[in-house]
Amino acid sequence: MKPKNNRAIVAVVSSDCFHQAVVLWRSIKRFEGKSDFIIFVIGYDKNDPDYQNAGFTVVDATVLNPKEWHQFIFQYNAQQAACALKPLAILKALKSYEKVIYLDTDIKLFGPLKTAWEALESADLSLTPHYYQPIPYDSCAEDFRLLVRLSGIFNAGYVGATQAGGDFLKWLWEQTKHNCIESIWHGLFLDQRWLDSAVALVRRLHVVQDRTYNVAYWNLHERELHKEMGRYFVNEELLTFFHFAGLTKESDFSPQKEEPPFYELFRDHQKELACAKKKLLVKEYPFRHFKDGEVIDESWKEWMRRGVPELENIQNPFLLKRSEREQIEAAMVKRPLHFRPKLEREI
């Protein structure tokens, strides 16, 4: 069946965070009526009625990498896996749509993505920088300035693409397939640092120059957020979308005498998430344990990611028995700490 629209918004989410996708969808439905919404779920259950009755397209994320699914998903936690699959999700959507925008599910729209869609008329790829003005020097914020800088030029919560951007997305997948990890001091921050290469690899790269896009805690130094008549404004312009990444609880904020609109925005979003979650069936992320119930230790994930010989030919590592795991653990004890059999996989 041919899609109704020529553009789509896509996202990848783990099953235990599906309520985030529901909240994102509500804002898409309000402001992006001419855009289809497709969500790829890691840990999808075909018998879960929440997926069948979502009101948007819900797809099992295994379709993105079916041949190597178990080996791939074993090496990552839920967040890493979602970020790593991002280029494949966009490429999958581009088979049916002329323009695709990827949004993280911790984003909420407050207005239409008009600027982004228009930019993709002539661009192959569209990205948003973390900020347009450097974070002011403050001895108390020096670590924060460095952290944001090391996180990359662009924020990966938003990626716009057309079919002409396919080559870069394929290259990006080759990087995130095994190197989508958080090792910021080694130059890796999930899929984000790889986006820096778009400056050289994408012929028609569009860098969003709109401060109402991707508003987040890391760029509030240059964006004055305020509420007027029930709507949020950024530097006197209507807010397009806010990115709640890194903010999970009120204790993330420092108490102030006068509460800024940002706090209210965050609290409203938290209430909306909680309400959405209550209306859904309880969802567990199924890839945290071996089949016998034992929790998968981080060392096991790292061994798989690095491609150690003992795991290389095991199609489904989740099925490893306790005795088999003990043999592999005994072999790994004899290995050097930073044993790296495949040099293309970063440490």
Protein backbone atom coordinates (compact mmCIF):
# COMPACT_ATOMS: atom_id res chain seq x y z
CA MET A 1 0.00 0.00 0.00
CA LYS A 2 1.35 3.39 -0.98
CA PRO A 3 1.74 5.83 1.97
CA LYS A 4 -0.79 8.65 2.18
CA ASN A 5 1.96 11.23 2.60
CA ASN A 6 5.37 11.75 1.01
CA ARG A 7 7.09 12.39 4.33
CA ALA A 8 7.44 10.54 7.61
CA ILE A 9 8.76 11.02 11.13
CA VAL A 10 10.46 7.93 12.55
CA ALA A 11 11.92 6.84 15.87
CA VAL A 12 13.43 3.80 17.55
CA VAL A 13 12.49 2.95 21.12
CA SER A 14 12.88 0.06 23.56
CA SER A 15 9.68 -1.68 24.65
CA ASP A 16 9.92 -0.38 28.24
CA CYS A 17 9.95 3.21 26.94
CA PHE A 18 7.03 2.88 24.53
CA HIS A 19 5.06 5.45 26.54
CA GLN A 20 7.58 8.06 25.37
CA ALA A 21 6.65 7.29 21.77
CA VAL A 22 2.97 7.72 22.64
CA VAL A 23 3.59 11.20 24.06
CA LEU A 24 5.73 12.16 21.07
CA TRP A 25 2.96 10.93 18.76
CA ARG A 26 0.37 13.14 20.42
CA SER A 27 2.46 16.21 19.61
CA ILE A 28 3.12 14.98 16.06
CA LYS A 29 -0.59 14.41 15.53
CA ARG A 30 -1.32 17.97 16.66
CA PHE A 31 1.33 19.78 14.60
CA GLU A 32 2.35 17.38 11.80
CA GLY A 33 -0.92 16.08 10.39
CA LYS A 34 0.60 15.63 6.94
CA SER A 35 3.42 13.42 8.26
CA ASP A 36 3.19 9.69 8.94
CA PHE A 37 4.73 8.43 12.18
CA ILE A 38 6.62 5.12 12.31
CA ILE A 39 8.10 3.71 15.50
CA PHE A 40 10.50 0.75 15.53
CA VAL A 41 10.26 -1.11 18.85
CA ILE A 42 13.15 -3.10 20.30
CA GLY A 43 11.51 -5.93 22.23
CA TYR A 44 8.31 -5.87 20.16
CA ASP A 45 5.58 -8.35 21.14
CA LYS A 46 3.07 -9.10 18.39
CA ASN A 47 0.49 -10.08 21.01
CA ASP A 48 0.61 -6.74 22.82
CA PRO A 49 -2.61 -4.83 22.02
CA ASP A 50 -0.92 -1.49 22.78
CA TYR A 51 1.09 -1.84 19.58
CA GLN A 52 -1.93 -2.84 17.50
CA ASN A 53 -4.08 0.04 18.76
CA ALA A 54 -1.46 2.77 18.93
CA GLY A 55 -2.91 5.00 16.20
CA PHE A 56 0.45 5.08 14.38
CA THR A 57 2.64 2.50 12.67
CA VAL A 58 4.50 0.23 15.11
CA VAL A 59 7.16 -2.06 13.62
CA ASP A 60 9.28 -4.82 15.14
CA ALA A 61 12.85 -3.44 15.12
CA THR A 62 14.25 -6.86 14.16
CA VAL A 63 13.32 -6.04 10.53
CA LEU A 64 16.17 -3.53 10.53
CA ASN A 65 18.91 -6.14 11.07
CA PRO A 66 17.30 -9.60 10.93
CA LYS A 67 20.33 -11.76 10.03
CA GLU A 68 22.49 -10.60 12.94
CA TRP A 69 19.81 -9.49 15.37
CA HIS A 70 20.73 -11.52 18.44
CA GLN A 71 24.45 -10.84 18.17
CA PHE A 72 23.78 -7.16 17.56
CA ILE A 73 21.33 -6.61 20.39
CA PHE A 74 23.38 -8.65 22.88
CA GLN A 75 26.30 -6.20 22.74
CA TYR A 76 24.33 -3.07 23.65
CA ASN A 77 22.03 -1.72 26.34
CA ALA A 78 18.63 -0.37 25.28
CA GLN A 79 19.77 3.21 24.66
CA GLN A 80 22.86 2.19 22.71
CA ALA A 81 20.83 -0.19 20.54
CA ALA A 82 18.21 2.46 19.73
CA CYS A 83 20.90 4.96 18.73
CA ALA A 84 22.80 2.39 16.68
CA LEU A 85 19.69 1.44 14.68
CA LYS A 86 18.88 5.05 13.84
CA PRO A 87 20.45 5.11 10.34
CA LEU A 88 18.75 1.81 9.44
CA ALA A 89 15.36 3.16 10.58
CA ILE A 90 15.77 6.24 8.38
CA LEU A 91 16.92 4.15 5.40
CA LYS A 92 13.96 1.80 5.83
CA ALA A 93 11.52 4.71 5.79
CA LEU A 94 13.23 6.30 2.77
CA LYS A 95 12.22 3.29 0.70
CA SER A 96 8.63 4.55 0.91
CA TYR A 97 8.97 8.30 1.58
CA GLU A 98 10.73 11.19 -0.15
CA LYS A 99 11.64 12.93 3.12
CA VAL A 100 12.22 11.49 6.57
CA ILE A 101 12.90 13.11 9.92
CA TYR A 102 14.16 11.09 12.86
CA LEU A 103 13.24 12.31 16.34
CA ASP A 104 14.29 10.85 19.68
CA THR A 105 11.30 9.84 21.77
CA ASP A 106 12.31 12.21 24.59
CA ILE A 107 11.35 15.10 22.29
CA LYS A 108 8.01 16.88 22.18
CA LEU A 109 6.75 19.11 19.38
CA PHE A 110 5.23 22.50 20.16
CA GLY A 111 4.90 23.58 16.55
CA PRO A 112 5.19 22.29 12.94
CA LEU A 113 8.55 21.31 11.42
CA LYS A 114 8.06 23.67 8.49
CA THR A 115 11.68 24.86 8.33
CA ALA A 116 13.01 21.31 8.32
CA TRP A 117 10.74 20.01 5.59
CA GLU A 118 11.49 23.02 3.40
CA ALA A 119 15.24 22.53 3.87
CA LEU A 120 14.97 18.93 2.66
CA GLU A 121 13.73 20.21 -0.70
CA SER A 122 17.35 20.95 -1.57
CA ALA A 123 19.41 19.18 1.11
CA ASP A 124 20.54 15.55 1.43
CA LEU A 125 20.85 15.67 5.21
CA SER A 126 19.68 18.08 7.91
CA LEU A 127 21.20 18.37 11.40
CA THR A 128 20.93 20.65 14.44
CA PRO A 129 24.03 21.87 16.29
CA HIS A 130 24.10 21.76 20.07
CA TYR A 131 24.34 25.56 20.14
CA TYR A 132 25.02 28.59 17.96
CA GLN A 133 26.92 30.62 20.54
CA PRO A 134 29.65 29.15 22.75
CA ILE A 135 28.70 28.45 26.35
CA PRO A 136 29.99 31.43 28.40
CA TYR A 137 33.06 30.77 30.49
CA ASP A 138 32.25 30.11 34.12
CA SER A 139 34.58 28.24 36.43
CA CYS A 140 31.58 26.40 37.87
CA ALA A 141 30.51 25.27 34.41
CA GLU A 142 33.90 24.39 32.93
CA ASP A 143 33.27 20.63 33.07
CA PHE A 144 29.86 21.17 31.46
CA ARG A 145 31.39 23.22 28.61
CA LEU A 146 33.92 20.49 27.97
CA LEU A 147 31.32 17.72 28.14
CA VAL A 148 29.08 19.39 25.55
CA ARG A 149 32.04 20.08 23.27
CA LEU A 150 33.21 16.47 23.46
CA SER A 151 29.67 15.29 22.73
CA GLY A 152 30.01 16.51 19.15
CA ILE A 153 28.99 19.42 16.95
CA PHE A 154 25.50 18.09 16.28
CA ASN A 155 22.81 16.64 18.50
CA ALA A 156 21.58 13.28 17.22
CA GLY A 157 18.04 13.72 18.58
CA TYR A 158 17.07 15.18 15.20
CA VAL A 159 18.20 13.93 11.78
CA GLY A 160 16.46 14.85 8.54
CA ALA A 161 17.25 13.01 5.30
CA THR A 162 16.27 12.39 1.71
CA GLN A 163 17.23 9.44 -0.47
CA ALA A 164 20.27 11.39 -1.65
CA GLY A 165 21.63 11.14 1.90
CA GLY A 166 21.54 7.34 1.75
CA ASP A 167 25.28 6.85 1.28
CA PHE A 168 26.07 8.76 4.46
CA LEU A 169 23.43 6.82 6.39
CA LYS A 170 24.91 3.53 5.19
CA TRP A 171 28.35 4.72 6.29
CA LEU A 172 26.88 5.79 9.64
CA TRP A 173 25.44 2.31 10.19
CA GLU A 174 28.86 0.78 9.59
CA GLN A 175 30.13 2.92 12.47
CA THR A 176 27.22 2.42 14.88
CA LYS A 177 26.91 -1.31 14.22
CA HIS A 178 29.66 -2.01 16.77
CA ASN A 179 30.89 1.39 17.92
CA CYS A 180 27.78 3.04 19.40
CA ILE A 181 29.15 3.34 22.93
CA GLU A 182 29.61 6.01 25.57
CA SER A 183 33.33 6.61 25.91
CA ILE A 184 33.46 10.36 25.64
CA TRP A 185 37.11 10.67 26.61
CA HIS A 186 37.95 8.35 23.71
CA GLY A 187 35.92 10.45 21.29
CA LEU A 188 32.77 8.31 21.28
CA PHE A 189 29.30 9.32 22.41
CA LEU A 190 26.76 6.83 21.06
CA ASP A 191 25.94 7.74 17.43
CA GLN A 192 26.48 11.45 17.95
CA ARG A 193 30.19 12.02 17.34
CA TRP A 194 29.95 10.18 14.02
CA LEU A 195 27.62 12.92 12.77
CA ASP A 196 30.54 15.38 12.83
CA SER A 197 31.81 13.67 9.68
CA ALA A 198 28.73 14.84 7.77
CA VAL A 199 30.47 18.19 7.27
CA ALA A 200 32.93 16.46 4.94
CA LEU A 201 30.94 13.49 3.66
CA VAL A 202 27.58 15.06 2.76
CA ARG A 203 27.61 17.30 -0.30
CA ARG A 204 24.37 19.11 0.51
CA LEU A 205 24.30 19.33 4.28
CA HIS A 206 21.73 21.60 5.89
CA VAL A 207 22.58 22.90 9.35
CA VAL A 208 19.37 24.11 10.97
CA GLN A 209 19.67 27.82 11.84
CA ASP A 210 16.53 28.02 13.91
CA ARG A 211 16.83 28.41 17.67
CA THR A 212 13.29 27.17 18.22
CA TYR A 213 14.50 23.69 17.19
CA ASN A 214 16.05 21.21 19.61
CA VAL A 215 15.87 23.49 22.62
CA ALA A 216 17.50 21.70 25.57
CA TYR A 217 19.39 22.28 28.80
CA TRP A 218 22.70 22.54 26.90
CA ASN A 219 21.65 25.62 24.89
CA LEU A 220 19.49 27.60 27.30
CA HIS A 221 22.36 30.09 27.69
CA GLU A 222 21.42 31.47 24.24
CA ARG A 223 17.68 30.86 24.25
CA GLU A 224 15.29 32.73 26.48
CA LEU A 225 12.32 30.49 27.09
CA HIS A 226 9.08 32.03 28.34
CA LYS A 227 5.37 31.25 28.39
CA GLU A 228 2.68 33.58 27.13
CA MET A 229 -1.03 32.89 26.68
CA GLY A 230 -0.45 29.16 27.22
CA ARG A 231 2.27 28.87 24.55
CA TYR A 232 6.04 28.69 24.86
CA PHE A 233 8.34 31.13 23.10
CA VAL A 234 12.09 31.08 22.44
CA ASN A 235 13.66 34.50 21.94
CA GLU A 236 10.18 35.86 21.03
CA GLU A 237 9.50 33.08 18.48
CA LEU A 238 7.15 30.14 19.02
CA LEU A 239 8.93 27.04 20.31
CA THR A 240 9.11 24.24 17.70
CA PHE A 241 10.39 21.36 19.81
CA PHE A 242 12.01 20.73 23.16
CA HIS A 243 14.47 17.91 23.83
CA PHE A 244 14.23 16.49 27.35
CA ALA A 245 17.41 14.38 27.07
CA GLY A 246 19.35 14.08 30.32
CA LEU A 247 16.44 15.27 32.44
CA THR A 248 14.60 12.55 34.35
CA LYS A 249 13.71 14.00 37.74
CA GLU A 250 13.29 17.33 39.49
CA SER A 251 16.50 16.81 41.46
CA ASP A 252 18.34 17.39 38.16
CA PHE A 253 17.62 21.09 38.70
CA SER A 254 19.22 23.52 41.10
CA PRO A 255 16.63 25.29 43.28
CA GLN A 256 16.09 28.94 42.45
CA LYS A 257 14.02 31.67 44.05
CA GLU A 258 12.11 32.34 40.84
CA GLU A 259 11.10 29.24 38.93
CA PRO A 260 11.78 29.60 35.16
CA PRO A 261 9.30 28.32 32.53
CA PHE A 262 11.68 25.46 31.80
CA TYR A 263 10.74 23.80 35.10
CA GLU A 264 7.04 23.96 34.31
CA LEU A 265 7.67 22.57 30.83
CA PHE A 266 9.60 19.65 32.32
CA ARG A 267 7.01 18.88 35.00
CA ASP A 268 4.15 18.93 32.49
CA HIS A 269 6.06 16.50 30.29
CA GLN A 270 6.75 14.18 33.22
CA LYS A 271 3.06 14.14 34.13
CA GLU A 272 2.13 13.36 30.53
CA LEU A 273 4.63 10.50 30.43
CA ALA A 274 3.35 9.06 33.71
CA CYS A 275 -0.25 9.26 32.51
CA ALA A 276 0.60 7.54 29.21
CA LYS A 277 2.52 4.78 30.99
CA LYS A 278 -0.41 4.01 33.32
CA LYS A 279 -2.70 3.41 30.36
CA LEU A 280 -0.34 0.84 28.80
CA LEU A 281 0.37 -2.76 29.72
CA VAL A 282 3.56 -3.25 31.74
CA LYS A 283 6.43 -3.68 29.30
CA GLU A 284 9.79 -5.21 30.12
CA TYR A 285 12.92 -4.93 28.01
CA PRO A 286 13.59 -8.61 27.10
CA PHE A 287 17.30 -8.40 26.32
CA ARG A 288 18.78 -7.86 29.80
CA HIS A 289 18.99 -11.56 30.73
CA PHE A 290 20.18 -14.88 29.42
CA LYS A 291 17.36 -17.34 28.75
CA ASP A 292 17.93 -18.95 32.17
CA GLY A 293 17.25 -15.58 33.86
CA GLU A 294 20.77 -14.53 34.80
CA VAL A 295 21.48 -10.85 34.21
CA ILE A 296 23.93 -10.20 31.37
CA ASP A 297 26.98 -8.51 32.84
CA GLU A 298 28.51 -5.54 31.01
CA SER A 299 31.68 -7.55 30.39
CA TRP A 300 29.68 -10.01 28.28
CA LYS A 301 28.29 -7.18 26.17
CA GLU A 302 31.77 -5.81 25.63
CA TRP A 303 33.18 -9.21 24.66
CA MET A 304 30.48 -9.57 22.02
CA ARG A 305 30.99 -6.03 20.76
CA ARG A 306 34.74 -6.53 20.40
CA GLY A 307 34.17 -9.80 18.55
CA VAL A 308 36.13 -12.22 20.74
CA PRO A 309 36.63 -15.62 19.02
CA GLU A 310 34.63 -17.53 21.64
CA LEU A 311 31.45 -15.59 20.74
CA GLU A 312 31.96 -14.83 17.08
CA ASN A 313 30.08 -17.84 15.68
CA ILE A 314 27.34 -18.04 18.29
CA GLN A 315 24.16 -16.98 16.51
CA ASN A 316 22.09 -16.47 19.66
CA PRO A 317 24.23 -15.74 22.75
CA PHE A 318 21.12 -15.37 24.91
CA LEU A 319 20.78 -19.18 24.76
CA LEU A 320 24.22 -19.89 26.25
CA LYS A 321 23.97 -22.35 29.14
CA ARG A 322 25.66 -21.71 32.47
CA SER A 323 28.34 -24.33 31.76
CA GLU A 324 29.10 -22.77 28.36
CA ARG A 325 29.34 -19.32 29.91
CA GLU A 326 31.78 -20.57 32.55
CA GLN A 327 34.05 -21.97 29.84
CA ILE A 328 34.06 -18.67 27.99
CA GLU A 329 34.67 -16.71 31.20
CA ALA A 330 37.63 -18.96 32.02
CA ALA A 331 39.10 -18.29 28.57
CA MET A 332 38.59 -14.54 28.88
CA VAL A 333 40.39 -14.40 32.23
CA LYS A 334 43.55 -15.43 30.38
CA ARG A 335 43.13 -12.65 27.80
CA PRO A 336 44.75 -9.21 28.14
CA LEU A 337 42.39 -6.64 29.70
CA HIS A 338 42.06 -4.69 26.44
CA PHE A 339 42.01 -7.70 24.12
CA ARG A 340 40.85 -6.38 20.75
CA PRO A 341 40.68 -9.02 18.00
CA LYS A 342 38.87 -6.73 15.54
CA LEU A 343 40.70 -3.44 15.21
CA GLU A 344 37.74 -1.65 13.58
CA ARG A 345 35.83 -1.98 16.84
CA GLU A 346 36.81 0.82 19.20
CA ILE A 347 37.60 0.39 22.89
